[in-house]
Amino acid sequence: MKEQLCFNLCILNGNNFRSFLLRATYSDANQEKLIVYKHCLWKLLESCTLCGQPCLVEEVSQMGTFLSVRTTCSTCDFTRKWSSQPFVNNTPAGNLALSAAILFTGSSFAKVSRMLNALNIPAISQSTFTLHSGLYLQPTILHVWKQHQLELFDQLKALGGSLILGADGRSDSPGHSAKYGSYSVLESRINKVIDIQLVQVF
């Protein structure tokens, strides 16, 4: 399930979801991410990889957690461009991973943003998080749930016999009144939720 959420992102195509495989490998997604101090990174980049002489380090661009740097050797004129993370469909992978981590763990963007700001770590904006959620992440959750639901239906068909269903809905919590509520249906033999619907409370 985790791998599907990470890699089988979806886009809304008319009224249908079309899934596509991210242009990133499993090793890209699963490898460790590190917090690196900027002056330590500059120390690493300020020496030429060809001749070992000092280089001029210039920051090309920074987008959220993504950083692009160009180094130019003052001796042999060798130039290279370095990026802190790969791209996924023209989106920095780290930015998308941060949005996914916030949404998939049920965290609050505001709290995560304040934490990163306290550490002086550049991060994505609220609008970028909303864009990632609407364009990629929420459709991904729906796509993976539909696939999982079909697997449950196949499992029930293999069992045969009549369904044994239990259902419950919830729209209010103590001290609050809601316009919408969730209604869940559980199949008792396999003890799994087979459907969830959002319903409007009249």
Protein backbone atom coordinates (compact mmCIF):
# COMPACT_ATOMS: atom_id res chain seq x y z
CA MET A 1 0.00 0.00 0.00
CA LYS A 2 2.78 2.43 0.93
CA GLU A 3 4.64 1.77 -2.32
CA GLN A 4 1.45 2.30 -4.32
CA LEU A 5 0.81 5.64 -2.64
CA CYS A 6 4.40 6.69 -3.34
CA PHE A 7 4.61 5.65 -6.96
CA ASN A 8 1.19 5.21 -8.55
CA LEU A 9 0.16 8.84 -8.53
CA CYS A 10 -2.94 9.80 -10.47
CA ILE A 11 -4.19 12.78 -12.41
CA LEU A 12 -7.77 13.73 -13.07
CA ASN A 13 -8.58 13.20 -16.74
CA GLY A 14 -12.15 14.34 -17.35
CA ASN A 15 -14.24 12.16 -15.04
CA ASN A 16 -11.74 9.31 -14.93
CA PHE A 17 -8.52 8.82 -13.05
CA ARG A 18 -5.50 7.94 -15.13
CA SER A 19 -2.59 6.52 -13.18
CA PHE A 20 0.99 6.89 -14.25
CA LEU A 21 4.27 5.68 -12.87
CA LEU A 22 6.50 8.34 -11.38
CA ARG A 23 9.84 8.83 -13.05
CA ALA A 24 11.70 7.94 -9.89
CA THR A 25 13.07 4.65 -8.73
CA TYR A 26 12.17 2.87 -5.51
CA SER A 27 15.69 3.62 -4.29
CA ASP A 28 15.03 7.36 -4.77
CA ALA A 29 11.94 7.19 -2.57
CA ASN A 30 13.32 4.85 0.08
CA GLN A 31 16.80 6.28 0.57
CA GLU A 32 17.54 8.44 3.61
CA LYS A 33 17.08 12.20 3.44
CA LEU A 34 19.51 14.32 5.46
CA ILE A 35 19.49 17.79 6.98
CA VAL A 36 22.64 19.48 5.66
CA TYR A 37 23.98 22.80 6.88
CA LYS A 38 24.51 25.19 3.98
CA HIS A 39 28.08 26.17 4.85
CA CYS A 40 29.02 22.47 5.04
CA LEU A 41 27.57 21.93 1.58
CA TRP A 42 29.47 24.94 0.22
CA LYS A 43 32.72 23.51 1.65
CA LEU A 44 32.08 20.30 -0.27
CA LEU A 45 31.38 22.12 -3.53
CA GLU A 46 34.04 24.82 -3.42
CA SER A 47 36.81 22.49 -4.67
CA CYS A 48 37.03 21.54 -8.37
CA THR A 49 36.39 17.85 -9.02
CA LEU A 50 38.95 17.89 -11.87
CA CYS A 51 41.94 19.82 -10.58
CA GLY A 52 41.12 20.33 -6.91
CA GLN A 53 41.49 24.11 -7.08
CA PRO A 54 38.98 26.57 -5.54
CA CYS A 55 35.62 27.03 -7.28
CA LEU A 56 33.09 29.81 -7.36
CA VAL A 57 29.81 28.46 -5.95
CA GLU A 58 26.62 30.16 -7.16
CA GLU A 59 23.08 29.39 -6.10
CA VAL A 60 21.04 28.96 -9.28
CA SER A 61 17.58 28.39 -7.82
CA GLN A 62 15.75 27.31 -4.71
CA MET A 63 12.19 25.97 -4.68
CA GLY A 64 11.00 24.81 -1.30
CA THR A 65 13.31 21.98 -0.25
CA PHE A 66 15.03 21.94 -3.67
CA LEU A 67 18.38 23.65 -4.27
CA SER A 68 20.33 24.00 -7.51
CA VAL A 69 23.96 25.15 -7.49
CA ARG A 70 26.51 25.92 -10.23
CA THR A 71 30.26 25.70 -9.58
CA THR A 72 32.93 27.25 -11.80
CA CYS A 73 36.62 26.49 -11.35
CA SER A 74 38.86 29.58 -11.34
CA THR A 75 41.80 27.55 -12.69
CA CYS A 76 40.55 25.13 -15.36
CA ASP A 77 37.16 26.81 -16.01
CA PHE A 78 35.34 23.51 -15.43
CA THR A 79 31.65 24.13 -14.72
CA ARG A 80 29.09 21.80 -13.29
CA LYS A 81 25.52 22.05 -12.04
CA TRP A 82 24.44 20.21 -8.92
CA SER A 83 20.88 19.58 -7.70
CA SER A 84 19.88 18.49 -4.22
CA GLN A 85 17.14 16.10 -5.37
CA PRO A 86 15.72 14.46 -8.51
CA PHE A 87 12.67 15.72 -10.37
CA VAL A 88 9.37 13.89 -10.78
CA ASN A 89 7.40 15.13 -13.78
CA ASN A 90 9.01 18.59 -13.48
CA THR A 91 8.36 18.67 -9.73
CA PRO A 92 11.19 18.44 -7.16
CA ALA A 93 10.83 15.00 -5.57
CA GLY A 94 11.54 16.32 -2.08
CA ASN A 95 8.74 18.89 -2.29
CA LEU A 96 6.26 16.23 -3.41
CA ALA A 97 7.50 13.82 -0.74
CA LEU A 98 7.02 16.49 1.94
CA SER A 99 3.44 17.12 0.79
CA ALA A 100 2.78 13.36 0.76
CA ALA A 101 4.28 12.90 4.23
CA ILE A 102 2.09 15.66 5.67
CA LEU A 103 -1.12 14.38 4.08
CA PHE A 104 -0.58 10.62 4.46
CA THR A 105 0.31 10.90 8.16
CA GLY A 106 -2.63 13.17 8.97
CA SER A 107 -0.37 16.02 10.01
CA SER A 108 -1.17 19.71 9.87
CA PHE A 109 0.59 21.77 7.20
CA ALA A 110 0.65 24.80 9.50
CA LYS A 111 2.38 22.90 12.33
CA VAL A 112 4.92 21.24 10.03
CA SER A 113 5.62 24.60 8.39
CA ARG A 114 6.20 26.28 11.76
CA MET A 115 8.53 23.47 12.83
CA LEU A 116 10.62 23.75 9.66
CA ASN A 117 10.64 27.53 9.95
CA ALA A 118 11.93 27.22 13.53
CA LEU A 119 14.79 25.08 12.18
CA ASN A 120 15.37 27.63 9.38
CA ILE A 121 14.77 24.91 6.78
CA PRO A 122 13.20 26.17 3.51
CA ALA A 123 9.93 24.42 2.74
CA ILE A 124 7.00 24.49 0.35
CA SER A 125 4.19 27.02 0.63
CA GLN A 126 0.57 26.35 1.57
CA SER A 127 -0.47 26.86 -2.07
CA THR A 128 2.10 24.29 -3.27
CA PHE A 129 0.87 21.77 -0.69
CA THR A 130 -2.72 22.37 -1.81
CA LEU A 131 -1.70 21.96 -5.46
CA HIS A 132 0.12 18.68 -4.77
CA SER A 133 -2.81 17.39 -2.72
CA GLY A 134 -5.45 18.17 -5.32
CA LEU A 135 -3.48 17.20 -8.41
CA TYR A 136 -1.62 14.12 -7.19
CA LEU A 137 -2.11 12.95 -3.61
CA GLN A 138 -5.86 12.84 -3.03
CA PRO A 139 -6.50 11.21 -6.44
CA THR A 140 -3.78 8.71 -5.51
CA ILE A 141 -5.54 7.80 -2.27
CA LEU A 142 -8.81 7.32 -4.14
CA HIS A 143 -7.12 5.27 -6.87
CA VAL A 144 -5.39 2.95 -4.38
CA TRP A 145 -8.60 2.58 -2.34
CA LYS A 146 -10.56 1.58 -5.47
CA GLN A 147 -7.94 -1.03 -6.30
CA HIS A 148 -8.02 -2.37 -2.74
CA GLN A 149 -11.82 -2.41 -2.79
CA LEU A 150 -11.84 -4.53 -5.95
CA GLU A 151 -9.47 -6.98 -4.27
CA LEU A 152 -11.90 -7.23 -1.33
CA PHE A 153 -14.81 -7.88 -3.70
CA ASP A 154 -12.83 -10.67 -5.38
CA GLN A 155 -12.10 -12.15 -1.96
CA LEU A 156 -15.81 -12.11 -1.09
CA LYS A 157 -16.74 -13.73 -4.39
CA ALA A 158 -14.29 -16.52 -3.67
CA LEU A 159 -15.88 -17.09 -0.24
CA GLY A 160 -19.36 -17.44 -1.74
CA GLY A 161 -22.56 -17.36 0.27
CA SER A 162 -24.45 -14.35 1.55
CA LEU A 163 -22.77 -11.18 2.73
CA ILE A 164 -22.84 -10.39 6.44
CA LEU A 165 -22.73 -6.63 6.63
CA GLY A 166 -22.51 -4.16 9.47
CA ALA A 167 -22.75 -0.43 8.89
CA ASP A 168 -22.46 2.75 10.90
CA GLY A 169 -22.47 6.45 10.22
CA ARG A 170 -21.04 9.40 12.10
CA SER A 171 -21.66 13.08 11.51
CA ASP A 172 -21.42 14.69 14.96
CA SER A 173 -18.93 14.78 17.76
CA PRO A 174 -19.53 16.13 21.28
CA GLY A 175 -20.05 19.88 21.13
CA HIS A 176 -19.97 20.06 17.34
CA SER A 177 -22.49 19.76 14.53
CA ALA A 178 -21.48 18.71 11.04
CA LYS A 179 -23.06 19.13 7.63
CA TYR A 180 -21.45 15.95 6.27
CA GLY A 181 -20.81 12.57 7.79
CA SER A 182 -19.05 9.33 6.90
CA TYR A 183 -20.90 6.03 6.50
CA SER A 184 -18.87 2.82 6.61
CA VAL A 185 -19.83 -0.74 5.69
CA LEU A 186 -17.98 -3.72 7.16
CA GLU A 187 -18.18 -7.36 6.02
CA SER A 188 -18.14 -9.46 9.18
CA ARG A 189 -16.64 -12.65 7.74
CA ILE A 190 -13.45 -10.97 6.59
CA ASN A 191 -13.69 -8.22 9.23
CA LYS A 192 -12.79 -5.48 6.75
CA VAL A 193 -14.42 -2.23 5.68
CA ILE A 194 -15.57 -2.69 2.09
CA ASP A 195 -17.07 0.74 1.44
CA ILE A 196 -16.98 4.29 2.82
CA GLN A 197 -19.30 7.05 1.69
CA LEU A 198 -19.48 10.74 2.51
CA VAL A 199 -23.13 11.68 3.08
CA GLN A 200 -24.82 15.00 3.65
CA VAL A 201 -26.77 15.36 6.88
CA PHE A 202 -30.22 16.83 6.32
